[in-house]
Amino acid sequence: MKIATWIDNRENHRFFLLVQKFIEEYLEKKGYLKVDLPVLSPALIPESYLEVFETKFIYMNKKERIYLTPSPELFLKRLLAFGLGDCFYLGKSFRNGDFPSDLHTFEFTILEIYKTNISYLELAEEILAMISYVHKKIKQEKFLSDPTWRSPEIKFDYWEKITVAEAFEKWAGMKRDVLFDHKQFLEKAKEKGYQVEGFSYEEVWSQIYVQEIEPNLGLGERLTLIYDYPKEFAALAKLNPDRRTAQRFEFYFQGKELGDCYTELIDWQEQKQRLIEEIKKRKILRKVNHRIDKGFLEALKYGLKPCSGIAIGVERLALVLLGLSSIQQLKLVSIINED
């Protein structure tokens, strides 16, 4: 017989809400506009590396397929193309297919920020300043409510930076020429003991990344920024001059991925071709065959200014700032089932 234990997390939940408040406070001071957006859409941007939730809109005797948005990007880029300017969304997003864990849930709070006329690494500096601001405000509030609380030690004077190629050579023993050559990469992965038959480059790459790279990121007192991912992992990002890597970074603390940033691809023709490739990959992977958001490409045709965007998992960021270990600890009440 299972016994349910109810855990009162009111204090943690209060500080989770304060993290969101201080994020908004900082961004609004910097001139960003907060926007409210739908979480349901009849069409989505095709991305092969994530799965979505499908439901139906029922009216009269008709049924229309509709999807929970995995990101607010499809709406925000429309607004940017029509001249909105620097903006952000702070609210719910949904991703299917991954087992719930201490760091993952299918419904989560996302912060997505866009800033015009700036590159991904330039935006990184503003994000570091924002997190430093939120950390300082949370420390002040925490000490007022509990003088015995000890803040996690995090320094915000600079990012610890490493390229993806450097990280693979350092921790996985795979040189740059191997990393970006699909055939050589799969051969090397097989030598290392990974199962490669029947798996794609992207699938094997992701497995090595999760097992050998991620656990080493952000282990000191600073946030680690890992950048310039293979183009296969950045369908919506601008490519570097080498045409093998994309202007994308993620940032980590204590092995936890907290955010994902791109210099946005604004060439609609190149974006169309990349989305066609993503559709093919989704079919091979047998993921939900959703309608493609053609309006997204129309917005790019209309004209999107050079810009960069970042998505941050707010629950994960709150765990780091509050020194907690599980998303469940941020809920107002969590339930543990025990035998």
C-alpha atoms as a PDB file:
ATOM      1  CA  MET A   1       0.000   0.000   0.000  1.00  0.00           C
ATOM      2  CA  LYS A   2       1.362   3.416  -0.957  1.00  0.00           C
ATOM      3  CA  ILE A   3       1.246   6.269   1.533  1.00  0.00           C
ATOM      4  CA  ALA A   4       1.272   9.851   0.211  1.00  0.00           C
ATOM      5  CA  THR A   5       3.427  12.335   2.096  1.00  0.00           C
ATOM      6  CA  TRP A   6       2.565  15.990   1.544  1.00  0.00           C
ATOM      7  CA  ILE A   7       5.431  18.470   1.772  1.00  0.00           C
ATOM      8  CA  ASP A   8       4.736  22.157   2.384  1.00  0.00           C
ATOM      9  CA  ASN A   9       7.006  24.196   0.077  1.00  0.00           C
ATOM     10  CA  ARG A  10       5.392  27.592   0.621  1.00  0.00           C
ATOM     11  CA  GLU A  11       8.666  29.361   1.444  1.00  0.00           C
ATOM     12  CA  ASN A  12      10.486  27.946  -1.592  1.00  0.00           C
ATOM     13  CA  HIS A  13       7.523  28.761  -3.812  1.00  0.00           C
ATOM     14  CA  ARG A  14       7.475  32.334  -2.538  1.00  0.00           C
ATOM     15  CA  PHE A  15      11.118  32.743  -3.523  1.00  0.00           C
ATOM     16  CA  PHE A  16      10.499  31.139  -6.901  1.00  0.00           C
ATOM     17  CA  LEU A  17       7.928  33.875  -7.532  1.00  0.00           C
ATOM     18  CA  LEU A  18      10.454  36.472  -6.333  1.00  0.00           C
ATOM     19  CA  VAL A  19      13.012  35.184  -8.854  1.00  0.00           C
ATOM     20  CA  GLN A  20      10.442  35.902 -11.583  1.00  0.00           C
ATOM     21  CA  LYS A  21       9.657  39.310 -10.101  1.00  0.00           C
ATOM     22  CA  PHE A  22      13.318  40.353 -10.036  1.00  0.00           C
ATOM     23  CA  ILE A  23      13.865  39.123 -13.613  1.00  0.00           C
ATOM     24  CA  GLU A  24      10.994  41.314 -14.792  1.00  0.00           C
ATOM     25  CA  GLU A  25      12.272  44.207 -12.692  1.00  0.00           C
ATOM     26  CA  TYR A  26      15.727  44.040 -14.277  1.00  0.00           C
ATOM     27  CA  LEU A  27      14.516  43.662 -17.862  1.00  0.00           C
ATOM     28  CA  GLU A  28      11.979  46.459 -17.611  1.00  0.00           C
ATOM     29  CA  LYS A  29      14.684  48.763 -16.229  1.00  0.00           C
ATOM     30  CA  LYS A  30      16.730  47.894 -19.324  1.00  0.00           C
ATOM     31  CA  GLY A  31      13.882  48.871 -21.645  1.00  0.00           C
ATOM     32  CA  TYR A  32      12.528  45.439 -22.582  1.00  0.00           C
ATOM     33  CA  LEU A  33       8.785  45.082 -23.120  1.00  0.00           C
ATOM     34  CA  LYS A  34       7.029  42.114 -21.509  1.00  0.00           C
ATOM     35  CA  VAL A  35       4.515  40.441 -23.829  1.00  0.00           C
ATOM     36  CA  ASP A  36       1.704  37.981 -23.118  1.00  0.00           C
ATOM     37  CA  LEU A  37       1.383  35.200 -25.695  1.00  0.00           C
ATOM     38  CA  PRO A  38      -0.812  32.173 -26.477  1.00  0.00           C
ATOM     39  CA  VAL A  39       0.276  28.718 -25.339  1.00  0.00           C
ATOM     40  CA  LEU A  40      -1.826  26.963 -28.014  1.00  0.00           C
ATOM     41  CA  SER A  41      -1.145  27.157 -31.740  1.00  0.00           C
ATOM     42  CA  PRO A  42      -2.522  25.408 -34.858  1.00  0.00           C
ATOM     43  CA  ALA A  43       1.004  25.264 -36.346  1.00  0.00           C
ATOM     44  CA  LEU A  44       4.579  25.103 -35.031  1.00  0.00           C
ATOM     45  CA  ILE A  45       8.175  25.570 -36.139  1.00  0.00           C
ATOM     46  CA  PRO A  46       9.539  22.074 -36.952  1.00  0.00           C
ATOM     47  CA  GLU A  47      12.418  21.150 -34.638  1.00  0.00           C
ATOM     48  CA  SER A  48      13.649  17.560 -34.758  1.00  0.00           C
ATOM     49  CA  TYR A  49      15.245  17.569 -31.304  1.00  0.00           C
ATOM     50  CA  LEU A  50      12.028  18.073 -29.324  1.00  0.00           C
ATOM     51  CA  GLU A  51       8.556  16.533 -29.152  1.00  0.00           C
ATOM     52  CA  VAL A  52       5.259  18.364 -28.688  1.00  0.00           C
ATOM     53  CA  PHE A  53       1.815  17.873 -27.156  1.00  0.00           C
ATOM     54  CA  GLU A  54      -1.111  17.570 -29.553  1.00  0.00           C
ATOM     55  CA  THR A  55      -4.759  18.156 -28.700  1.00  0.00           C
ATOM     56  CA  LYS A  56      -7.975  19.103 -30.580  1.00  0.00           C
ATOM     57  CA  PHE A  57     -10.065  22.237 -30.785  1.00  0.00           C
ATOM     58  CA  ILE A  58     -13.684  21.038 -31.102  1.00  0.00           C
ATOM     59  CA  TYR A  59     -16.441  23.314 -32.390  1.00  0.00           C
ATOM     60  CA  MET A  60     -19.820  22.367 -33.896  1.00  0.00           C
ATOM     61  CA  ASN A  61     -19.075  19.117 -35.737  1.00  0.00           C
ATOM     62  CA  LYS A  62     -15.508  20.081 -36.629  1.00  0.00           C
ATOM     63  CA  LYS A  63     -12.195  19.173 -35.035  1.00  0.00           C
ATOM     64  CA  GLU A  64      -8.937  21.043 -35.543  1.00  0.00           C
ATOM     65  CA  ARG A  65      -5.560  19.793 -34.377  1.00  0.00           C
ATOM     66  CA  ILE A  66      -3.805  22.243 -32.094  1.00  0.00           C
ATOM     67  CA  TYR A  67      -0.534  22.135 -30.137  1.00  0.00           C
ATOM     68  CA  LEU A  68       0.881  23.341 -26.854  1.00  0.00           C
ATOM     69  CA  THR A  69       3.805  25.607 -27.702  1.00  0.00           C
ATOM     70  CA  PRO A  70       7.285  24.278 -26.810  1.00  0.00           C
ATOM     71  CA  SER A  71       8.583  27.854 -27.040  1.00  0.00           C
ATOM     72  CA  PRO A  72       7.137  31.359 -27.584  1.00  0.00           C
ATOM     73  CA  GLU A  73       9.607  31.897 -30.454  1.00  0.00           C
ATOM     74  CA  LEU A  74       7.077  31.568 -33.298  1.00  0.00           C
ATOM     75  CA  PHE A  75       5.062  34.490 -31.868  1.00  0.00           C
ATOM     76  CA  LEU A  76       7.934  36.656 -30.673  1.00  0.00           C
ATOM     77  CA  LYS A  77       9.704  36.663 -34.036  1.00  0.00           C
ATOM     78  CA  ARG A  78       6.505  37.802 -35.742  1.00  0.00           C
ATOM     79  CA  LEU A  79       6.355  40.735 -33.339  1.00  0.00           C
ATOM     80  CA  LEU A  80      10.031  41.526 -33.892  1.00  0.00           C
ATOM     81  CA  ALA A  81       9.591  41.454 -37.669  1.00  0.00           C
ATOM     82  CA  PHE A  82       6.812  44.023 -37.373  1.00  0.00           C
ATOM     83  CA  GLY A  83       8.989  46.359 -35.321  1.00  0.00           C
ATOM     84  CA  LEU A  84       8.248  45.574 -31.671  1.00  0.00           C
ATOM     85  CA  GLY A  85      11.854  45.922 -30.500  1.00  0.00           C
ATOM     86  CA  ASP A  86      13.540  44.401 -27.437  1.00  0.00           C
ATOM     87  CA  CYS A  87      11.063  42.161 -25.638  1.00  0.00           C
ATOM     88  CA  PHE A  88      10.607  39.141 -23.408  1.00  0.00           C
ATOM     89  CA  TYR A  89       8.091  36.460 -22.468  1.00  0.00           C
ATOM     90  CA  LEU A  90       7.906  34.908 -19.015  1.00  0.00           C
ATOM     91  CA  GLY A  91       5.370  32.113 -18.804  1.00  0.00           C
ATOM     92  CA  LYS A  92       4.587  28.471 -19.518  1.00  0.00           C
ATOM     93  CA  SER A  93       5.941  26.236 -22.275  1.00  0.00           C
ATOM     94  CA  PHE A  94       5.479  22.506 -22.861  1.00  0.00           C
ATOM     95  CA  ARG A  95       7.701  19.715 -24.157  1.00  0.00           C
ATOM     96  CA  ASN A  96       6.811  16.062 -24.537  1.00  0.00           C
ATOM     97  CA  GLY A  97       8.822  12.863 -24.643  1.00  0.00           C
ATOM     98  CA  ASP A  98      11.255  13.218 -21.735  1.00  0.00           C
ATOM     99  CA  PHE A  99      10.792  11.410 -18.451  1.00  0.00           C
ATOM    100  CA  PRO A 100      10.103  13.771 -15.496  1.00  0.00           C
ATOM    101  CA  SER A 101      13.099  14.210 -13.204  1.00  0.00           C
ATOM    102  CA  ASP A 102      14.531  16.570 -10.598  1.00  0.00           C
ATOM    103  CA  LEU A 103      15.508  18.941 -13.420  1.00  0.00           C
ATOM    104  CA  HIS A 104      12.803  18.336 -16.001  1.00  0.00           C
ATOM    105  CA  THR A 105       9.035  18.498 -16.234  1.00  0.00           C
ATOM    106  CA  PHE A 106       6.829  18.581 -19.325  1.00  0.00           C
ATOM    107  CA  GLU A 107       5.275  21.914 -18.238  1.00  0.00           C
ATOM    108  CA  PHE A 108       7.792  24.557 -17.222  1.00  0.00           C
ATOM    109  CA  THR A 109       8.348  28.293 -16.864  1.00  0.00           C
ATOM    110  CA  ILE A 110      10.394  29.765 -19.686  1.00  0.00           C
ATOM    111  CA  LEU A 111      12.037  33.172 -19.960  1.00  0.00           C
ATOM    112  CA  GLU A 112      12.637  34.080 -23.592  1.00  0.00           C
ATOM    113  CA  ILE A 113      14.411  37.351 -24.358  1.00  0.00           C
ATOM    114  CA  TYR A 114      15.123  39.013 -27.709  1.00  0.00           C
ATOM    115  CA  LYS A 115      17.414  41.971 -28.260  1.00  0.00           C
ATOM    116  CA  THR A 116      18.005  43.629 -31.638  1.00  0.00           C
ATOM    117  CA  ASN A 117      21.340  44.568 -33.223  1.00  0.00           C
ATOM    118  CA  ILE A 118      23.389  42.346 -30.949  1.00  0.00           C
ATOM    119  CA  SER A 119      25.196  39.006 -31.322  1.00  0.00           C
ATOM    120  CA  TYR A 120      24.863  35.932 -29.128  1.00  0.00           C
ATOM    121  CA  LEU A 121      28.095  36.540 -27.214  1.00  0.00           C
ATOM    122  CA  GLU A 122      27.214  40.206 -26.706  1.00  0.00           C
ATOM    123  CA  LEU A 123      23.809  39.217 -25.313  1.00  0.00           C
ATOM    124  CA  ALA A 124      25.622  36.813 -22.984  1.00  0.00           C
ATOM    125  CA  GLU A 125      27.115  39.739 -21.066  1.00  0.00           C
ATOM    126  CA  GLU A 126      23.683  41.254 -20.410  1.00  0.00           C
ATOM    127  CA  ILE A 127      22.345  37.883 -19.257  1.00  0.00           C
ATOM    128  CA  LEU A 128      25.220  37.496 -16.795  1.00  0.00           C
ATOM    129  CA  ALA A 129      24.415  40.954 -15.398  1.00  0.00           C
ATOM    130  CA  MET A 130      20.726  40.045 -15.102  1.00  0.00           C
ATOM    131  CA  ILE A 131      21.416  36.825 -13.187  1.00  0.00           C
ATOM    132  CA  SER A 132      23.855  38.666 -10.918  1.00  0.00           C
ATOM    133  CA  TYR A 133      21.130  41.238 -10.167  1.00  0.00           C
ATOM    134  CA  VAL A 134      18.539  38.557  -9.370  1.00  0.00           C
ATOM    135  CA  HIS A 135      21.036  36.634  -7.218  1.00  0.00           C
ATOM    136  CA  LYS A 136      21.836  39.758  -5.177  1.00  0.00           C
ATOM    137  CA  LYS A 137      18.147  40.576  -4.616  1.00  0.00           C
ATOM    138  CA  ILE A 138      17.318  36.990  -3.624  1.00  0.00           C
ATOM    139  CA  LYS A 139      20.202  36.944  -1.118  1.00  0.00           C
ATOM    140  CA  GLN A 140      18.906  40.133   0.483  1.00  0.00           C
ATOM    141  CA  GLU A 141      15.365  38.745   0.789  1.00  0.00           C
ATOM    142  CA  LYS A 142      16.576  35.380   2.066  1.00  0.00           C
ATOM    143  CA  PHE A 143      18.748  36.844   4.804  1.00  0.00           C
ATOM    144  CA  LEU A 144      15.846  38.999   5.998  1.00  0.00           C
ATOM    145  CA  SER A 145      13.622  35.930   6.403  1.00  0.00           C
ATOM    146  CA  ASP A 146      16.325  33.520   7.609  1.00  0.00           C
ATOM    147  CA  PRO A 147      19.659  34.969   8.853  1.00  0.00           C
ATOM    148  CA  THR A 148      21.123  31.436   9.068  1.00  0.00           C
ATOM    149  CA  TRP A 149      20.660  30.766   5.329  1.00  0.00           C
ATOM    150  CA  ARG A 150      23.842  30.348   3.322  1.00  0.00           C
ATOM    151  CA  SER A 151      23.803  31.454  -0.293  1.00  0.00           C
ATOM    152  CA  PRO A 152      25.352  29.224  -2.974  1.00  0.00           C
ATOM    153  CA  GLU A 153      28.783  30.610  -3.898  1.00  0.00           C
ATOM    154  CA  ILE A 154      28.557  32.024  -7.421  1.00  0.00           C
ATOM    155  CA  LYS A 155      30.810  34.672  -8.954  1.00  0.00           C
ATOM    156  CA  PHE A 156      29.506  36.918 -11.726  1.00  0.00           C
ATOM    157  CA  ASP A 157      32.644  38.848 -12.715  1.00  0.00           C
ATOM    158  CA  TYR A 158      32.944  36.909 -15.972  1.00  0.00           C
ATOM    159  CA  TRP A 159      31.788  33.782 -17.805  1.00  0.00           C
ATOM    160  CA  GLU A 160      33.960  30.698 -17.877  1.00  0.00           C
ATOM    161  CA  LYS A 161      33.957  30.034 -21.646  1.00  0.00           C
ATOM    162  CA  ILE A 162      34.730  26.974 -23.759  1.00  0.00           C
ATOM    163  CA  THR A 163      33.840  26.048 -27.337  1.00  0.00           C
ATOM    164  CA  VAL A 164      32.038  22.792 -28.061  1.00  0.00           C
ATOM    165  CA  ALA A 165      35.083  21.608 -30.047  1.00  0.00           C
ATOM    166  CA  GLU A 166      37.420  22.351 -27.122  1.00  0.00           C
ATOM    167  CA  ALA A 167      35.078  20.568 -24.708  1.00  0.00           C
ATOM    168  CA  PHE A 168      34.922  17.398 -26.835  1.00  0.00           C
ATOM    169  CA  GLU A 169      38.695  17.287 -27.168  1.00  0.00           C
ATOM    170  CA  LYS A 170      39.230  17.937 -23.447  1.00  0.00           C
ATOM    171  CA  TRP A 171      36.675  15.520 -21.982  1.00  0.00           C
ATOM    172  CA  ALA A 172      35.758  13.069 -24.759  1.00  0.00           C
ATOM    173  CA  GLY A 173      39.131  12.830 -26.529  1.00  0.00           C
ATOM    174  CA  MET A 174      37.627  13.760 -29.914  1.00  0.00           C
ATOM    175  CA  LYS A 175      39.445  16.327 -32.043  1.00  0.00           C
ATOM    176  CA  ARG A 176      37.695  19.008 -34.078  1.00  0.00           C
ATOM    177  CA  ASP A 177      38.140  17.252 -37.450  1.00  0.00           C
ATOM    178  CA  VAL A 178      36.484  14.130 -36.013  1.00  0.00           C
ATOM    179  CA  LEU A 179      33.714  16.025 -34.247  1.00  0.00           C
ATOM    180  CA  PHE A 180      32.322  17.611 -37.415  1.00  0.00           C
ATOM    181  CA  ASP A 181      32.810  14.643 -39.759  1.00  0.00           C
ATOM    182  CA  HIS A 182      29.843  12.292 -39.381  1.00  0.00           C
ATOM    183  CA  LYS A 183      31.654   9.146 -40.544  1.00  0.00           C
ATOM    184  CA  GLN A 184      34.781   9.699 -38.451  1.00  0.00           C
ATOM    185  CA  PHE A 185      32.687  10.706 -35.457  1.00  0.00           C
ATOM    186  CA  LEU A 186      30.591   7.511 -35.508  1.00  0.00           C
ATOM    187  CA  GLU A 187      33.727   5.387 -35.936  1.00  0.00           C
ATOM    188  CA  LYS A 188      35.360   7.078 -32.930  1.00  0.00           C
ATOM    189  CA  ALA A 189      32.165   6.720 -30.871  1.00  0.00           C
ATOM    190  CA  LYS A 190      32.106   2.995 -31.670  1.00  0.00           C
ATOM    191  CA  GLU A 191      35.736   2.694 -30.514  1.00  0.00           C
ATOM    192  CA  LYS A 192      34.706   4.356 -27.250  1.00  0.00           C
ATOM    193  CA  GLY A 193      32.041   1.675 -26.712  1.00  0.00           C
ATOM    194  CA  TYR A 194      28.904   3.512 -27.860  1.00  0.00           C
ATOM    195  CA  GLN A 195      26.206   1.736 -29.852  1.00  0.00           C
ATOM    196  CA  VAL A 196      26.130   3.405 -33.269  1.00  0.00           C
ATOM    197  CA  GLU A 197      24.372   0.918 -35.567  1.00  0.00           C
ATOM    198  CA  GLY A 198      20.868   2.157 -36.276  1.00  0.00           C
ATOM    199  CA  PHE A 199      21.531   5.558 -34.701  1.00  0.00           C
ATOM    200  CA  SER A 200      22.105   8.920 -36.376  1.00  0.00           C
ATOM    201  CA  TYR A 201      25.044  11.274 -35.894  1.00  0.00           C
ATOM    202  CA  GLU A 202      22.788  13.580 -33.882  1.00  0.00           C
ATOM    203  CA  GLU A 203      21.607  10.806 -31.568  1.00  0.00           C
ATOM    204  CA  VAL A 204      25.114   9.488 -30.829  1.00  0.00           C
ATOM    205  CA  TRP A 205      26.498  13.037 -30.494  1.00  0.00           C
ATOM    206  CA  SER A 206      23.812  13.899 -27.947  1.00  0.00           C
ATOM    207  CA  GLN A 207      24.534  10.746 -25.943  1.00  0.00           C
ATOM    208  CA  ILE A 208      28.249  11.553 -25.679  1.00  0.00           C
ATOM    209  CA  TYR A 209      27.475  15.186 -24.880  1.00  0.00           C
ATOM    210  CA  VAL A 210      25.158  14.229 -22.004  1.00  0.00           C
ATOM    211  CA  GLN A 211      27.477  11.599 -20.565  1.00  0.00           C
ATOM    212  CA  GLU A 212      30.932  13.106 -21.070  1.00  0.00           C
ATOM    213  CA  ILE A 213      30.576  16.870 -21.543  1.00  0.00           C
ATOM    214  CA  GLU A 214      27.641  18.197 -19.467  1.00  0.00           C
ATOM    215  CA  PRO A 215      28.816  16.778 -16.104  1.00  0.00           C
ATOM    216  CA  ASN A 216      32.023  18.848 -16.404  1.00  0.00           C
ATOM    217  CA  LEU A 217      30.385  22.217 -17.047  1.00  0.00           C
ATOM    218  CA  GLY A 218      30.062  24.910 -14.395  1.00  0.00           C
ATOM    219  CA  LEU A 219      31.777  22.961 -11.623  1.00  0.00           C
ATOM    220  CA  GLY A 220      33.607  25.947 -10.155  1.00  0.00           C
ATOM    221  CA  GLU A 221      32.161  29.161  -8.735  1.00  0.00           C
ATOM    222  CA  ARG A 222      31.310  30.649 -12.126  1.00  0.00           C
ATOM    223  CA  LEU A 223      28.726  29.910 -14.792  1.00  0.00           C
ATOM    224  CA  THR A 224      30.170  28.104 -17.814  1.00  0.00           C
ATOM    225  CA  LEU A 225      29.242  29.257 -21.311  1.00  0.00           C
ATOM    226  CA  ILE A 226      29.770  26.571 -23.995  1.00  0.00           C
ATOM    227  CA  TYR A 227      29.428  27.867 -27.537  1.00  0.00           C
ATOM    228  CA  ASP A 228      29.576  27.213 -31.302  1.00  0.00           C
ATOM    229  CA  TYR A 229      27.558  24.018 -31.646  1.00  0.00           C
ATOM    230  CA  PRO A 230      27.499  21.884 -34.819  1.00  0.00           C
ATOM    231  CA  LYS A 231      24.998  23.299 -37.307  1.00  0.00           C
ATOM    232  CA  GLU A 232      22.898  20.129 -36.922  1.00  0.00           C
ATOM    233  CA  PHE A 233      21.911  21.330 -33.434  1.00  0.00           C
ATOM    234  CA  ALA A 234      20.879  24.878 -34.274  1.00  0.00           C
ATOM    235  CA  ALA A 235      18.181  24.936 -36.967  1.00  0.00           C
ATOM    236  CA  LEU A 236      17.215  28.537 -36.181  1.00  0.00           C
ATOM    237  CA  ALA A 237      20.686  30.012 -35.593  1.00  0.00           C
ATOM    238  CA  LYS A 238      23.041  31.961 -37.848  1.00  0.00           C
ATOM    239  CA  LEU A 239      26.023  29.936 -39.040  1.00  0.00           C
ATOM    240  CA  ASN A 240      29.641  30.939 -38.437  1.00  0.00           C
ATOM    241  CA  PRO A 241      31.924  31.580 -41.447  1.00  0.00           C
ATOM    242  CA  ASP A 242      33.160  27.952 -41.236  1.00  0.00           C
ATOM    243  CA  ARG A 243      29.593  26.801 -42.150  1.00  0.00           C
ATOM    244  CA  ARG A 244      30.068  23.874 -39.750  1.00  0.00           C
ATOM    245  CA  THR A 245      29.192  25.603 -36.500  1.00  0.00           C
ATOM    246  CA  ALA A 246      26.338  27.866 -35.477  1.00  0.00           C
ATOM    247  CA  GLN A 247      26.296  30.972 -33.289  1.00  0.00           C
ATOM    248  CA  ARG A 248      24.677  29.228 -30.357  1.00  0.00           C
ATOM    249  CA  PHE A 249      25.638  28.905 -26.697  1.00  0.00           C
ATOM    250  CA  GLU A 250      24.257  27.192 -23.634  1.00  0.00           C
ATOM    251  CA  PHE A 251      25.196  28.012 -20.071  1.00  0.00           C
ATOM    252  CA  TYR A 252      25.628  25.728 -17.081  1.00  0.00           C
ATOM    253  CA  PHE A 253      26.184  25.646 -13.356  1.00  0.00           C
ATOM    254  CA  GLN A 254      27.123  22.459 -11.493  1.00  0.00           C
ATOM    255  CA  GLY A 255      26.380  20.374 -14.584  1.00  0.00           C
ATOM    256  CA  LYS A 256      22.864  21.848 -14.976  1.00  0.00           C
ATOM    257  CA  GLU A 257      21.934  23.448 -18.291  1.00  0.00           C
ATOM    258  CA  LEU A 258      20.142  26.734 -17.571  1.00  0.00           C
ATOM    259  CA  GLY A 259      19.798  28.540 -20.887  1.00  0.00           C
ATOM    260  CA  ASP A 260      20.167  28.378 -24.662  1.00  0.00           C
ATOM    261  CA  CYS A 261      21.012  31.363 -26.898  1.00  0.00           C
ATOM    262  CA  TYR A 262      21.324  32.055 -30.660  1.00  0.00           C
ATOM    263  CA  THR A 263      22.276  34.803 -33.000  1.00  0.00           C
ATOM    264  CA  GLU A 264      19.035  34.446 -34.922  1.00  0.00           C
ATOM    265  CA  LEU A 265      18.987  33.355 -38.555  1.00  0.00           C
ATOM    266  CA  ILE A 266      17.202  36.109 -40.505  1.00  0.00           C
ATOM    267  CA  ASP A 267      17.716  34.878 -44.100  1.00  0.00           C
ATOM    268  CA  TRP A 268      14.280  33.439 -44.914  1.00  0.00           C
ATOM    269  CA  GLN A 269      15.508  31.306 -47.829  1.00  0.00           C
ATOM    270  CA  GLU A 270      18.210  29.613 -45.772  1.00  0.00           C
ATOM    271  CA  GLN A 271      15.737  29.194 -42.912  1.00  0.00           C
ATOM    272  CA  LYS A 272      13.209  27.557 -45.249  1.00  0.00           C
ATOM    273  CA  GLN A 273      15.799  25.012 -46.405  1.00  0.00           C
ATOM    274  CA  ARG A 274      16.825  24.227 -42.834  1.00  0.00           C
ATOM    275  CA  LEU A 275      13.200  23.716 -41.792  1.00  0.00           C
ATOM    276  CA  ILE A 276      12.705  21.297 -44.691  1.00  0.00           C
ATOM    277  CA  GLU A 277      15.603  19.253 -43.295  1.00  0.00           C
ATOM    278  CA  GLU A 278      14.037  19.361 -39.827  1.00  0.00           C
ATOM    279  CA  ILE A 279      10.724  18.081 -41.225  1.00  0.00           C
ATOM    280  CA  LYS A 280      12.553  15.124 -42.811  1.00  0.00           C
ATOM    281  CA  LYS A 281      14.268  14.326 -39.504  1.00  0.00           C
ATOM    282  CA  ARG A 282      10.964  14.493 -37.601  1.00  0.00           C
ATOM    283  CA  LYS A 283       9.438  11.975 -40.014  1.00  0.00           C
ATOM    284  CA  ILE A 284      12.381   9.593 -39.635  1.00  0.00           C
ATOM    285  CA  LEU A 285      12.119   9.888 -35.838  1.00  0.00           C
ATOM    286  CA  ARG A 286       8.322   9.367 -36.041  1.00  0.00           C
ATOM    287  CA  LYS A 287       7.554  12.477 -34.061  1.00  0.00           C
ATOM    288  CA  VAL A 288       4.188  14.249 -34.077  1.00  0.00           C
ATOM    289  CA  ASN A 289       3.449  15.328 -37.644  1.00  0.00           C
ATOM    290  CA  HIS A 290       2.263  18.843 -36.848  1.00  0.00           C
ATOM    291  CA  ARG A 291       1.337  21.609 -39.275  1.00  0.00           C
ATOM    292  CA  ILE A 292       4.239  23.852 -40.238  1.00  0.00           C
ATOM    293  CA  ASP A 293       4.056  27.493 -39.243  1.00  0.00           C
ATOM    294  CA  LYS A 294       4.297  29.157 -42.657  1.00  0.00           C
ATOM    295  CA  GLY A 295       3.602  32.513 -41.047  1.00  0.00           C
ATOM    296  CA  PHE A 296       7.006  32.255 -39.355  1.00  0.00           C
ATOM    297  CA  LEU A 297       8.750  32.305 -42.749  1.00  0.00           C
ATOM    298  CA  GLU A 298       6.445  35.092 -43.930  1.00  0.00           C
ATOM    299  CA  ALA A 299       7.587  37.175 -40.972  1.00  0.00           C
ATOM    300  CA  LEU A 300      11.218  36.590 -41.961  1.00  0.00           C
ATOM    301  CA  LYS A 301      10.395  37.620 -45.536  1.00  0.00           C
ATOM    302  CA  TYR A 302       8.827  40.808 -44.216  1.00  0.00           C
ATOM    303  CA  GLY A 303      12.127  41.582 -42.547  1.00  0.00           C
ATOM    304  CA  LEU A 304      13.599  40.601 -39.194  1.00  0.00           C
ATOM    305  CA  LYS A 305      16.321  42.913 -37.880  1.00  0.00           C
ATOM    306  CA  PRO A 306      19.613  41.341 -36.773  1.00  0.00           C
ATOM    307  CA  CYS A 307      18.978  40.076 -33.255  1.00  0.00           C
ATOM    308  CA  SER A 308      19.775  37.438 -30.676  1.00  0.00           C
ATOM    309  CA  GLY A 309      17.463  35.490 -28.437  1.00  0.00           C
ATOM    310  CA  ILE A 310      17.856  33.364 -25.341  1.00  0.00           C
ATOM    311  CA  ALA A 311      15.576  30.900 -23.559  1.00  0.00           C
ATOM    312  CA  ILE A 312      16.147  30.218 -19.843  1.00  0.00           C
ATOM    313  CA  GLY A 313      14.497  27.553 -17.723  1.00  0.00           C
ATOM    314  CA  VAL A 314      13.309  29.606 -14.764  1.00  0.00           C
ATOM    315  CA  GLU A 315      12.790  26.630 -12.426  1.00  0.00           C
ATOM    316  CA  ARG A 316      16.359  25.480 -13.004  1.00  0.00           C
ATOM    317  CA  LEU A 317      17.708  28.990 -12.489  1.00  0.00           C
ATOM    318  CA  ALA A 318      15.743  29.249  -9.227  1.00  0.00           C
ATOM    319  CA  LEU A 319      17.199  25.928  -8.014  1.00  0.00           C
ATOM    320  CA  VAL A 320      20.704  27.286  -8.523  1.00  0.00           C
ATOM    321  CA  LEU A 321      20.021  30.635  -6.830  1.00  0.00           C
ATOM    322  CA  LEU A 322      18.223  29.034  -3.865  1.00  0.00           C
ATOM    323  CA  GLY A 323      20.567  26.080  -3.422  1.00  0.00           C
ATOM    324  CA  LEU A 324      17.835  23.480  -4.031  1.00  0.00           C
ATOM    325  CA  SER A 325      18.062  20.163  -5.891  1.00  0.00           C
ATOM    326  CA  SER A 326      14.638  19.420  -7.410  1.00  0.00           C
ATOM    327  CA  ILE A 327      11.929  21.293  -9.308  1.00  0.00           C
ATOM    328  CA  GLN A 328       9.424  19.587  -6.999  1.00  0.00           C
ATOM    329  CA  GLN A 329      10.778  21.725  -4.137  1.00  0.00           C
ATOM    330  CA  LEU A 330       9.499  24.861  -5.908  1.00  0.00           C
ATOM    331  CA  LYS A 331       5.896  23.721  -6.074  1.00  0.00           C
ATOM    332  CA  LEU A 332       3.518  25.031  -3.423  1.00  0.00           C
ATOM    333  CA  VAL A 333       2.940  21.468  -2.247  1.00  0.00           C
ATOM    334  CA  SER A 334       4.779  18.364  -3.449  1.00  0.00           C
ATOM    335  CA  ILE A 335       3.694  14.782  -2.898  1.00  0.00           C
ATOM    336  CA  ILE A 336       5.944  11.803  -2.258  1.00  0.00           C
ATOM    337  CA  ASN A 337       4.455   8.334  -2.584  1.00  0.00           C
ATOM    338  CA  GLU A 338       6.050   5.808  -0.260  1.00  0.00           C
ATOM    339  CA  ASP A 339       5.460   2.055   0.035  1.00  0.00           C
END
